């Protein structure tokens, strides 16, 4: 998988998840990989990009708001969210944006 998502022509949506992790893995890596596998199976999923230093940023791309809503309601994703609040994150922020234009080379 390319580190830069290959998205279609806009418009589409970006879910921007910014986080500060707690110390240690505590099962995070395995669950993060599983969440990616599940998201890739969701209707409307377009791709993902992620980077982590002191602050982690993961941007997932979706065709529409309904697809984002369904992903948020996925049973395994709900359990991962609970673990995130309890174990893996000191803090996080989620932002949902409409992508109206993109370009690159």
PDB file of N, CA and C in Angstrom:
ATOM      1  N   UNK A   1       0.844  -1.176   0.000  1.00  0.00           N
ATOM      2  CA  UNK A   1       0.000   0.000   0.000  1.00  0.00           C
ATOM      3  C   UNK A   1       0.892   1.244   0.000  1.00  0.00           C
ATOM      4  N   UNK A   2       0.555   2.180  -0.857  1.00  0.00           N
ATOM      5  CA  UNK A   2       1.287   3.442  -0.926  1.00  0.00           C
ATOM      6  C   UNK A   2       1.028   4.259   0.341  1.00  0.00           C
ATOM      7  N   UNK A   3       2.030   5.004   0.828  1.00  0.00           N
ATOM      8  CA  UNK A   3       1.797   5.841   2.002  1.00  0.00           C
ATOM      9  C   UNK A   3       0.875   7.028   1.714  1.00  0.00           C
ATOM     10  N   UNK A   4       0.673   7.343   0.426  1.00  0.00           N
ATOM     11  CA  UNK A   4      -0.274   8.392   0.050  1.00  0.00           C
ATOM     12  C   UNK A   4      -1.463   7.728  -0.615  1.00  0.00           C
ATOM     13  N   UNK A   5      -2.652   7.964  -0.062  1.00  0.00           N
ATOM     14  CA  UNK A   5      -3.868   7.329  -0.576  1.00  0.00           C
ATOM     15  C   UNK A   5      -4.182   7.823  -1.981  1.00  0.00           C
ATOM     16  N   UNK A   6      -4.630   6.905  -2.811  1.00  0.00           N
ATOM     17  CA  UNK A   6      -5.077   7.247  -4.163  1.00  0.00           C
ATOM     18  C   UNK A   6      -6.584   7.464  -4.096  1.00  0.00           C
ATOM     19  N   UNK A   7      -6.980   8.715  -4.025  1.00  0.00           N
ATOM     20  CA  UNK A   7      -8.388   9.067  -3.874  1.00  0.00           C
ATOM     21  C   UNK A   7      -8.973   9.472  -5.226  1.00  0.00           C
ATOM     22  N   UNK A   8     -10.296   9.378  -5.353  1.00  0.00           N
ATOM     23  CA  UNK A   8     -10.943   9.784  -6.609  1.00  0.00           C
ATOM     24  C   UNK A   8     -11.012  11.312  -6.704  1.00  0.00           C
ATOM     25  N   UNK A   9     -11.532  11.771  -7.797  1.00  0.00           N
ATOM     26  CA  UNK A   9     -11.760  13.212  -7.941  1.00  0.00           C
ATOM     27  C   UNK A   9     -12.755  13.667  -6.869  1.00  0.00           C
ATOM     28  N   UNK A  10     -12.517  14.826  -6.259  1.00  0.00           N
ATOM     29  CA  UNK A  10     -13.448  15.343  -5.261  1.00  0.00           C
ATOM     30  C   UNK A  10     -14.823  15.600  -5.872  1.00  0.00           C
ATOM     31  N   UNK A  11     -15.833  15.674  -5.042  1.00  0.00           N
ATOM     32  CA  UNK A  11     -15.773  15.753  -3.582  1.00  0.00           C
ATOM     33  C   UNK A  11     -15.775  14.375  -2.933  1.00  0.00           C
ATOM     34  N   UNK A  12     -15.164  14.305  -1.769  1.00  0.00           N
ATOM     35  CA  UNK A  12     -15.196  13.156  -0.878  1.00  0.00           C
ATOM     36  C   UNK A  12     -14.881  13.683   0.516  1.00  0.00           C
ATOM     37  N   UNK A  13     -14.885  12.826   1.510  1.00  0.00           N
ATOM     38  CA  UNK A  13     -14.702  13.264   2.895  1.00  0.00           C
ATOM     39  C   UNK A  13     -13.406  12.735   3.485  1.00  0.00           C
ATOM     40  N   UNK A  14     -12.850  13.514   4.398  1.00  0.00           N
ATOM     41  CA  UNK A  14     -11.661  13.114   5.152  1.00  0.00           C
ATOM     42  C   UNK A  14     -12.015  13.107   6.633  1.00  0.00           C
ATOM     43  N   UNK A  15     -11.690  12.017   7.310  1.00  0.00           N
ATOM     44  CA  UNK A  15     -11.806  11.940   8.766  1.00  0.00           C
ATOM     45  C   UNK A  15     -10.382  12.044   9.297  1.00  0.00           C
ATOM     46  N   UNK A  16     -10.121  13.102  10.030  1.00  0.00           N
ATOM     47  CA  UNK A  16      -8.783  13.388  10.533  1.00  0.00           C
ATOM     48  C   UNK A  16      -8.756  13.058  12.020  1.00  0.00           C
ATOM     49  N   UNK A  17      -7.963  12.053  12.371  1.00  0.00           N
ATOM     50  CA  UNK A  17      -7.850  11.588  13.752  1.00  0.00           C
ATOM     51  C   UNK A  17      -6.457  11.976  14.246  1.00  0.00           C
ATOM     52  N   UNK A  18      -6.406  12.927  15.164  1.00  0.00           N
ATOM     53  CA  UNK A  18      -5.151  13.405  15.738  1.00  0.00           C
ATOM     54  C   UNK A  18      -5.081  12.913  17.169  1.00  0.00           C
ATOM     55  N   UNK A  19      -3.924  12.348  17.568  1.00  0.00           N
ATOM     56  CA  UNK A  19      -3.863  11.737  18.896  1.00  0.00           C
ATOM     57  C   UNK A  19      -2.504  11.876  19.545  1.00  0.00           C
ATOM     58  N   UNK A  20      -2.523  11.773  20.857  1.00  0.00           N
ATOM     59  CA  UNK A  20      -1.321  11.641  21.674  1.00  0.00           C
ATOM     60  C   UNK A  20      -1.459  10.323  22.418  1.00  0.00           C
ATOM     61  N   UNK A  21      -0.488   9.445  22.218  1.00  0.00           N
ATOM     62  CA  UNK A  21      -0.522   8.097  22.784  1.00  0.00           C
ATOM     63  C   UNK A  21      -0.041   8.076  24.230  1.00  0.00           C
ATOM     64  N   UNK A  22      -0.473   7.036  24.934  1.00  0.00           N
ATOM     65  CA  UNK A  22       0.084   6.699  26.232  1.00  0.00           C
ATOM     66  C   UNK A  22       1.361   5.889  25.984  1.00  0.00           C
ATOM     67  N   UNK A  23       2.102   5.589  27.035  1.00  0.00           N
ATOM     68  CA  UNK A  23       3.328   4.798  26.915  1.00  0.00           C
ATOM     69  C   UNK A  23       2.986   3.326  26.695  1.00  0.00           C
ATOM     70  N   UNK A  24       3.801   2.643  25.911  1.00  0.00           N
ATOM     71  CA  UNK A  24       3.643   1.198  25.717  1.00  0.00           C
ATOM     72  C   UNK A  24       2.607   0.862  24.665  1.00  0.00           C
ATOM     73  N   UNK A  25       2.690  -0.359  24.167  1.00  0.00           N
ATOM     74  CA  UNK A  25       1.795  -0.800  23.099  1.00  0.00           C
ATOM     75  C   UNK A  25       0.438  -1.253  23.635  1.00  0.00           C
ATOM     76  N   UNK A  26       0.432  -2.084  24.647  1.00  0.00           N
ATOM     77  CA  UNK A  26      -0.797  -2.587  25.285  1.00  0.00           C
ATOM     78  C   UNK A  26      -1.802  -3.138  24.272  1.00  0.00           C
ATOM     79  N   UNK A  27      -1.295  -3.803  23.218  1.00  0.00           N
ATOM     80  CA  UNK A  27      -2.171  -4.383  22.210  1.00  0.00           C
ATOM     81  C   UNK A  27      -2.585  -3.431  21.101  1.00  0.00           C
ATOM     82  N   UNK A  28      -2.104  -2.199  21.157  1.00  0.00           N
ATOM     83  CA  UNK A  28      -2.502  -1.171  20.186  1.00  0.00           C
ATOM     84  C   UNK A  28      -2.186  -1.567  18.746  1.00  0.00           C
ATOM     85  N   UNK A  29      -0.969  -2.005  18.492  1.00  0.00           N
ATOM     86  CA  UNK A  29      -0.547  -2.318  17.133  1.00  0.00           C
ATOM     87  C   UNK A  29      -1.433  -3.346  16.455  1.00  0.00           C
ATOM     88  N   UNK A  30      -1.758  -4.394  17.177  1.00  0.00           N
ATOM     89  CA  UNK A  30      -2.598  -5.454  16.630  1.00  0.00           C
ATOM     90  C   UNK A  30      -4.005  -4.942  16.324  1.00  0.00           C
ATOM     91  N   UNK A  31      -4.562  -4.178  17.242  1.00  0.00           N
ATOM     92  CA  UNK A  31      -5.916  -3.649  17.037  1.00  0.00           C
ATOM     93  C   UNK A  31      -5.921  -2.615  15.905  1.00  0.00           C
ATOM     94  N   UNK A  32      -4.904  -1.780  15.831  1.00  0.00           N
ATOM     95  CA  UNK A  32      -4.826  -0.789  14.753  1.00  0.00           C
ATOM     96  C   UNK A  32      -4.803  -1.477  13.391  1.00  0.00           C
ATOM     97  N   UNK A  33      -4.048  -2.557  13.283  1.00  0.00           N
ATOM     98  CA  UNK A  33      -3.996  -3.318  12.022  1.00  0.00           C
ATOM     99  C   UNK A  33      -5.360  -3.917  11.701  1.00  0.00           C
ATOM    100  N   UNK A  34      -6.035  -4.441  12.712  1.00  0.00           N
ATOM    101  CA  UNK A  34      -7.369  -5.017  12.505  1.00  0.00           C
ATOM    102  C   UNK A  34      -8.367  -3.936  12.065  1.00  0.00           C
ATOM    103  N   UNK A  35      -8.281  -2.747  12.650  1.00  0.00           N
ATOM    104  CA  UNK A  35      -9.197  -1.668  12.278  1.00  0.00           C
ATOM    105  C   UNK A  35      -8.987  -1.273  10.817  1.00  0.00           C
ATOM    106  N   UNK A  36      -7.745  -1.255  10.369  1.00  0.00           N
ATOM    107  CA  UNK A  36      -7.470  -0.946   8.975  1.00  0.00           C
ATOM    108  C   UNK A  36      -8.078  -2.012   8.059  1.00  0.00           C
ATOM    109  N   UNK A  37      -7.906  -3.289   8.420  1.00  0.00           N
ATOM    110  CA  UNK A  37      -8.493  -4.370   7.629  1.00  0.00           C
ATOM    111  C   UNK A  37     -10.015  -4.228   7.542  1.00  0.00           C
ATOM    112  N   UNK A  38     -10.640  -3.913   8.672  1.00  0.00           N
ATOM    113  CA  UNK A  38     -12.097  -3.750   8.686  1.00  0.00           C
ATOM    114  C   UNK A  38     -12.535  -2.544   7.870  1.00  0.00           C
ATOM    115  N   UNK A  39     -11.849  -1.422   8.057  1.00  0.00           N
ATOM    116  CA  UNK A  39     -12.210  -0.197   7.332  1.00  0.00           C
ATOM    117  C   UNK A  39     -12.128  -0.419   5.829  1.00  0.00           C
ATOM    118  N   UNK A  40     -11.093  -1.127   5.385  1.00  0.00           N
ATOM    119  CA  UNK A  40     -10.922  -1.391   3.954  1.00  0.00           C
ATOM    120  C   UNK A  40     -12.090  -2.183   3.370  1.00  0.00           C
ATOM    121  N   UNK A  41     -12.817  -2.907   4.203  1.00  0.00           N
ATOM    122  CA  UNK A  41     -13.961  -3.694   3.757  1.00  0.00           C
ATOM    123  C   UNK A  41     -15.263  -2.896   3.750  1.00  0.00           C
ATOM    124  N   UNK A  42     -15.243  -1.723   4.360  1.00  0.00           N
ATOM    125  CA  UNK A  42     -16.450  -0.907   4.463  1.00  0.00           C
ATOM    126  C   UNK A  42     -16.774  -0.245   3.125  1.00  0.00           C
ATOM    127  N   UNK A  43     -18.049  -0.258   2.790  1.00  0.00           N
ATOM    128  CA  UNK A  43     -18.498   0.457   1.603  1.00  0.00           C
ATOM    129  C   UNK A  43     -18.206   1.944   1.788  1.00  0.00           C
ATOM    130  N   UNK A  44     -17.657   2.564   0.785  1.00  0.00           N
ATOM    131  CA  UNK A  44     -17.370   3.995   0.857  1.00  0.00           C
ATOM    132  C   UNK A  44     -15.965   4.340   1.312  1.00  0.00           C
ATOM    133  N   UNK A  45     -15.199   3.352   1.792  1.00  0.00           N
ATOM    134  CA  UNK A  45     -13.815   3.611   2.205  1.00  0.00           C
ATOM    135  C   UNK A  45     -12.964   3.834   0.964  1.00  0.00           C
ATOM    136  N   UNK A  46     -12.154   4.902   0.979  1.00  0.00           N
ATOM    137  CA  UNK A  46     -11.334   5.260  -0.184  1.00  0.00           C
ATOM    138  C   UNK A  46      -9.840   5.106   0.045  1.00  0.00           C
ATOM    139  N   UNK A  47      -9.401   5.167   1.300  1.00  0.00           N
ATOM    140  CA  UNK A  47      -7.975   5.061   1.584  1.00  0.00           C
ATOM    141  C   UNK A  47      -7.633   5.679   2.920  1.00  0.00           C
ATOM    142  N   UNK A  48      -6.346   5.586   3.270  1.00  0.00           N
ATOM    143  CA  UNK A  48      -5.899   6.095   4.563  1.00  0.00           C
ATOM    144  C   UNK A  48      -4.439   6.530   4.461  1.00  0.00           C
ATOM    145  N   UNK A  49      -4.080   7.510   5.260  1.00  0.00           N
ATOM    146  CA  UNK A  49      -2.697   7.967   5.414  1.00  0.00           C
ATOM    147  C   UNK A  49      -2.448   8.163   6.903  1.00  0.00           C
ATOM    148  N   UNK A  50      -1.241   7.832   7.360  1.00  0.00           N
ATOM    149  CA  UNK A  50      -0.973   7.923   8.787  1.00  0.00           C
ATOM    150  C   UNK A  50       0.486   8.259   9.045  1.00  0.00           C
ATOM    151  N   UNK A  51       0.720   9.058  10.082  1.00  0.00           N
ATOM    152  CA  UNK A  51       2.077   9.402  10.503  1.00  0.00           C
ATOM    153  C   UNK A  51       2.067   9.580  12.018  1.00  0.00           C
ATOM    154  N   UNK A  52       3.197   9.232  12.661  1.00  0.00           N
ATOM    155  CA  UNK A  52       3.277   9.388  14.111  1.00  0.00           C
ATOM    156  C   UNK A  52       4.670   9.826  14.489  1.00  0.00           C
ATOM    157  N   UNK A  53       4.715  10.894  15.246  1.00  0.00           N
ATOM    158  CA  UNK A  53       5.920  11.349  15.956  1.00  0.00           C
ATOM    159  C   UNK A  53       5.447  11.569  17.379  1.00  0.00           C
ATOM    160  N   UNK A  54       5.536  12.779  17.879  1.00  0.00           N
ATOM    161  CA  UNK A  54       4.957  13.083  19.191  1.00  0.00           C
ATOM    162  C   UNK A  54       3.435  13.093  19.111  1.00  0.00           C
ATOM    163  N   UNK A  55       2.939  13.537  17.966  1.00  0.00           N
ATOM    164  CA  UNK A  55       1.500  13.567  17.698  1.00  0.00           C
ATOM    165  C   UNK A  55       1.241  12.626  16.530  1.00  0.00           C
ATOM    166  N   UNK A  56       0.205  11.808  16.641  1.00  0.00           N
ATOM    167  CA  UNK A  56      -0.175  10.927  15.550  1.00  0.00           C
ATOM    168  C   UNK A  56      -1.311  11.544  14.763  1.00  0.00           C
ATOM    169  N   UNK A  57      -1.232  11.395  13.448  1.00  0.00           N
ATOM    170  CA  UNK A  57      -2.316  11.877  12.591  1.00  0.00           C
ATOM    171  C   UNK A  57      -2.646  10.767  11.605  1.00  0.00           C
ATOM    172  N   UNK A  58      -3.897  10.361  11.613  1.00  0.00           N
ATOM    173  CA  UNK A  58      -4.404   9.395  10.643  1.00  0.00           C
ATOM    174  C   UNK A  58      -5.565  10.054   9.921  1.00  0.00           C
ATOM    175  N   UNK A  59      -5.490  10.051   8.605  1.00  0.00           N
ATOM    176  CA  UNK A  59      -6.567  10.609   7.786  1.00  0.00           C
ATOM    177  C   UNK A  59      -7.147   9.463   6.967  1.00  0.00           C
ATOM    178  N   UNK A  60      -8.428   9.203   7.180  1.00  0.00           N
ATOM    179  CA  UNK A  60      -9.104   8.208   6.343  1.00  0.00           C
ATOM    180  C   UNK A  60     -10.051   8.956   5.416  1.00  0.00           C
ATOM    181  N   UNK A  61     -10.205   8.413   4.212  1.00  0.00           N
ATOM    182  CA  UNK A  61     -11.003   9.064   3.177  1.00  0.00           C
ATOM    183  C   UNK A  61     -12.223   8.210   2.870  1.00  0.00           C
ATOM    184  N   UNK A  62     -13.354   8.903   2.704  1.00  0.00           N
ATOM    185  CA  UNK A  62     -14.643   8.229   2.545  1.00  0.00           C
ATOM    186  C   UNK A  62     -15.455   8.915   1.452  1.00  0.00           C
ATOM    187  N   UNK A  63     -16.287   8.139   0.789  1.00  0.00           N
ATOM    188  CA  UNK A  63     -17.083   8.679  -0.308  1.00  0.00           C
ATOM    189  C   UNK A  63     -18.214   9.581   0.169  1.00  0.00           C
ATOM    190  N   UNK A  64     -18.751   9.312   1.371  1.00  0.00           N
ATOM    191  CA  UNK A  64     -19.906  10.078   1.843  1.00  0.00           C
ATOM    192  C   UNK A  64     -20.022   9.995   3.365  1.00  0.00           C
ATOM    193  N   UNK A  65     -20.868  10.858   3.913  1.00  0.00           N
ATOM    194  CA  UNK A  65     -21.054  10.907   5.366  1.00  0.00           C
ATOM    195  C   UNK A  65     -21.712   9.641   5.909  1.00  0.00           C
ATOM    196  N   UNK A  66     -22.597   9.031   5.140  1.00  0.00           N
ATOM    197  CA  UNK A  66     -23.262   7.799   5.584  1.00  0.00           C
ATOM    198  C   UNK A  66     -22.244   6.681   5.801  1.00  0.00           C
ATOM    199  N   UNK A  67     -21.254   6.580   4.937  1.00  0.00           N
ATOM    200  CA  UNK A  67     -20.201   5.567   5.101  1.00  0.00           C
ATOM    201  C   UNK A  67     -19.399   5.805   6.379  1.00  0.00           C
ATOM    202  N   UNK A  68     -19.119   7.055   6.683  1.00  0.00           N
ATOM    203  CA  UNK A  68     -18.400   7.396   7.915  1.00  0.00           C
ATOM    204  C   UNK A  68     -19.235   7.004   9.127  1.00  0.00           C
ATOM    205  N   UNK A  69     -20.513   7.291   9.075  1.00  0.00           N
ATOM    206  CA  UNK A  69     -21.418   6.955  10.183  1.00  0.00           C
ATOM    207  C   UNK A  69     -21.468   5.438  10.412  1.00  0.00           C
ATOM    208  N   UNK A  70     -21.548   4.672   9.337  1.00  0.00           N
ATOM    209  CA  UNK A  70     -21.583   3.211   9.459  1.00  0.00           C
ATOM    210  C   UNK A  70     -20.283   2.684  10.058  1.00  0.00           C
ATOM    211  N   UNK A  71     -19.152   3.245   9.649  1.00  0.00           N
ATOM    212  CA  UNK A  71     -17.865   2.826  10.199  1.00  0.00           C
ATOM    213  C   UNK A  71     -17.810   3.111  11.696  1.00  0.00           C
ATOM    214  N   UNK A  72     -18.275   4.269  12.107  1.00  0.00           N
ATOM    215  CA  UNK A  72     -18.268   4.619  13.529  1.00  0.00           C
ATOM    216  C   UNK A  72     -19.122   3.641  14.337  1.00  0.00           C
ATOM    217  N   UNK A  73     -20.136   3.060  13.717  1.00  0.00           N
ATOM    218  CA  UNK A  73     -21.049   2.147  14.406  1.00  0.00           C
ATOM    219  C   UNK A  73     -20.635   0.676  14.299  1.00  0.00           C
ATOM    220  N   UNK A  74     -19.539   0.376  13.613  1.00  0.00           N
ATOM    221  CA  UNK A  74     -19.049  -1.000  13.503  1.00  0.00           C
ATOM    222  C   UNK A  74     -18.736  -1.531  14.903  1.00  0.00           C
ATOM    223  N   UNK A  75     -19.225  -2.710  15.232  1.00  0.00           N
ATOM    224  CA  UNK A  75     -19.109  -3.258  16.594  1.00  0.00           C
ATOM    225  C   UNK A  75     -17.655  -3.376  17.058  1.00  0.00           C
ATOM    226  N   UNK A  76     -16.764  -3.892  16.210  1.00  0.00           N
ATOM    227  CA  UNK A  76     -15.349  -4.005  16.608  1.00  0.00           C
ATOM    228  C   UNK A  76     -14.706  -2.632  16.749  1.00  0.00           C
ATOM    229  N   UNK A  77     -15.114  -1.707  15.904  1.00  0.00           N
ATOM    230  CA  UNK A  77     -14.586  -0.346  15.987  1.00  0.00           C
ATOM    231  C   UNK A  77     -15.028   0.319  17.293  1.00  0.00           C
ATOM    232  N   UNK A  78     -16.251   0.076  17.703  1.00  0.00           N
ATOM    233  CA  UNK A  78     -16.749   0.617  18.980  1.00  0.00           C
ATOM    234  C   UNK A  78     -15.897   0.097  20.136  1.00  0.00           C
ATOM    235  N   UNK A  79     -15.586  -1.196  20.126  1.00  0.00           N
ATOM    236  CA  UNK A  79     -14.741  -1.767  21.185  1.00  0.00           C
ATOM    237  C   UNK A  79     -13.336  -1.161  21.155  1.00  0.00           C
ATOM    238  N   UNK A  80     -12.790  -0.939  19.969  1.00  0.00           N
ATOM    239  CA  UNK A  80     -11.472  -0.312  19.852  1.00  0.00           C
ATOM    240  C   UNK A  80     -11.512   1.119  20.377  1.00  0.00           C
ATOM    241  N   UNK A  81     -12.596   1.822  20.115  1.00  0.00           N
ATOM    242  CA  UNK A  81     -12.742   3.192  20.630  1.00  0.00           C
ATOM    243  C   UNK A  81     -12.729   3.195  22.166  1.00  0.00           C
ATOM    244  N   UNK A  82     -13.421   2.250  22.758  1.00  0.00           N
ATOM    245  CA  UNK A  82     -13.436   2.148  24.228  1.00  0.00           C
ATOM    246  C   UNK A  82     -12.039   1.885  24.765  1.00  0.00           C
ATOM    247  N   UNK A  83     -11.316   0.969  24.133  1.00  0.00           N
ATOM    248  CA  UNK A  83      -9.940   0.678  24.553  1.00  0.00           C
ATOM    249  C   UNK A  83      -9.047   1.894  24.363  1.00  0.00           C
ATOM    250  N   UNK A  84      -9.266   2.625  23.289  1.00  0.00           N
ATOM    251  CA  UNK A  84      -8.485   3.833  23.046  1.00  0.00           C
ATOM    252  C   UNK A  84      -8.624   4.843  24.165  1.00  0.00           C
ATOM    253  N   UNK A  85      -9.842   5.049  24.606  1.00  0.00           N
ATOM    254  CA  UNK A  85     -10.082   5.993  25.711  1.00  0.00           C
ATOM    255  C   UNK A  85      -9.461   5.492  27.020  1.00  0.00           C
ATOM    256  N   UNK A  86      -9.523   4.170  27.226  1.00  0.00           N
ATOM    257  CA  UNK A  86      -9.068   3.575  28.477  1.00  0.00           C
ATOM    258  C   UNK A  86      -7.554   3.364  28.519  1.00  0.00           C
ATOM    259  N   UNK A  87      -6.956   2.940  27.381  1.00  0.00           N
ATOM    260  CA  UNK A  87      -5.575   2.458  27.400  1.00  0.00           C
ATOM    261  C   UNK A  87      -4.587   3.233  26.537  1.00  0.00           C
ATOM    262  N   UNK A  88      -4.982   3.628  25.334  1.00  0.00           N
ATOM    263  CA  UNK A  88      -3.993   3.991  24.320  1.00  0.00           C
ATOM    264  C   UNK A  88      -3.771   5.474  24.113  1.00  0.00           C
ATOM    265  N   UNK A  89      -4.735   6.303  24.481  1.00  0.00           N
ATOM    266  CA  UNK A  89      -4.615   7.727  24.166  1.00  0.00           C
ATOM    267  C   UNK A  89      -4.674   8.597  25.410  1.00  0.00           C
ATOM    268  N   UNK A  90      -3.729   9.530  25.484  1.00  0.00           N
ATOM    269  CA  UNK A  90      -3.825  10.595  26.485  1.00  0.00           C
ATOM    270  C   UNK A  90      -4.906  11.581  26.058  1.00  0.00           C
ATOM    271  N   UNK A  91      -4.951  11.855  24.755  1.00  0.00           N
ATOM    272  CA  UNK A  91      -5.982  12.731  24.198  1.00  0.00           C
ATOM    273  C   UNK A  91      -6.095  12.474  22.705  1.00  0.00           C
ATOM    274  N   UNK A  92      -7.239  12.846  22.142  1.00  0.00           N
ATOM    275  CA  UNK A  92      -7.429  12.744  20.696  1.00  0.00           C
ATOM    276  C   UNK A  92      -8.484  13.732  20.247  1.00  0.00           C
ATOM    277  N   UNK A  93      -8.510  13.976  18.949  1.00  0.00           N
ATOM    278  CA  UNK A  93      -9.504  14.852  18.337  1.00  0.00           C
ATOM    279  C   UNK A  93      -9.858  14.253  16.984  1.00  0.00           C
ATOM    280  N   UNK A  94     -11.151  14.260  16.653  1.00  0.00           N
ATOM    281  CA  UNK A  94     -11.625  13.802  15.357  1.00  0.00           C
ATOM    282  C   UNK A  94     -12.255  14.989  14.633  1.00  0.00           C
ATOM    283  N   UNK A  95     -11.856  15.152  13.380  1.00  0.00           N
ATOM    284  CA  UNK A  95     -12.426  16.206  12.543  1.00  0.00           C
ATOM    285  C   UNK A  95     -12.888  15.558  11.234  1.00  0.00           C
ATOM    286  N   UNK A  96     -14.054  15.956  10.767  1.00  0.00           N
ATOM    287  CA  UNK A  96     -14.586  15.450   9.508  1.00  0.00           C
ATOM    288  C   UNK A  96     -14.703  16.631   8.551  1.00  0.00           C
ATOM    289  N   UNK A  97     -14.079  16.472   7.385  1.00  0.00           N
ATOM    290  CA  UNK A  97     -14.014  17.567   6.421  1.00  0.00           C
ATOM    291  C   UNK A  97     -14.428  17.103   5.037  1.00  0.00           C
ATOM    292  N   UNK A  98     -15.032  18.013   4.297  1.00  0.00           N
ATOM    293  CA  UNK A  98     -15.337  17.776   2.896  1.00  0.00           C
ATOM    294  C   UNK A  98     -14.130  18.216   2.068  1.00  0.00           C
ATOM    295  N   UNK A  99     -13.621  17.316   1.259  1.00  0.00           N
ATOM    296  CA  UNK A  99     -12.519  17.645   0.357  1.00  0.00           C
ATOM    297  C   UNK A  99     -13.141  18.143  -0.943  1.00  0.00           C
ATOM    298  N   UNK A 100     -12.883  19.390  -1.254  1.00  0.00           N
ATOM    299  CA  UNK A 100     -13.446  19.998  -2.457  1.00  0.00           C
ATOM    300  C   UNK A 100     -12.455  20.050  -3.609  1.00  0.00           C
ATOM    301  N   UNK A 101     -11.161  19.974  -3.261  1.00  0.00           N
ATOM    302  CA  UNK A 101     -10.133  20.050  -4.294  1.00  0.00           C
ATOM    303  C   UNK A 101      -8.910  19.307  -3.801  1.00  0.00           C
ATOM    304  N   UNK A 102      -8.248  18.607  -4.688  1.00  0.00           N
ATOM    305  CA  UNK A 102      -6.950  18.020  -4.365  1.00  0.00           C
ATOM    306  C   UNK A 102      -6.065  18.063  -5.602  1.00  0.00           C
ATOM    307  N   UNK A 103      -4.769  18.056  -5.394  1.00  0.00           N
ATOM    308  CA  UNK A 103      -3.820  18.066  -6.508  1.00  0.00           C
ATOM    309  C   UNK A 103      -2.481  17.569  -6.003  1.00  0.00           C
ATOM    310  N   UNK A 104      -1.632  17.182  -6.879  1.00  0.00           N
ATOM    311  CA  UNK A 104      -0.310  16.676  -6.501  1.00  0.00           C
ATOM    312  C   UNK A 104       0.420  16.165  -7.717  1.00  0.00           C
ATOM    313  N   UNK A 105       1.541  15.496  -7.476  1.00  0.00           N
ATOM    314  CA  UNK A 105       2.281  14.861  -8.570  1.00  0.00           C
ATOM    315  C   UNK A 105       2.928  13.596  -8.065  1.00  0.00           C
TER     316      UNK A 105
END
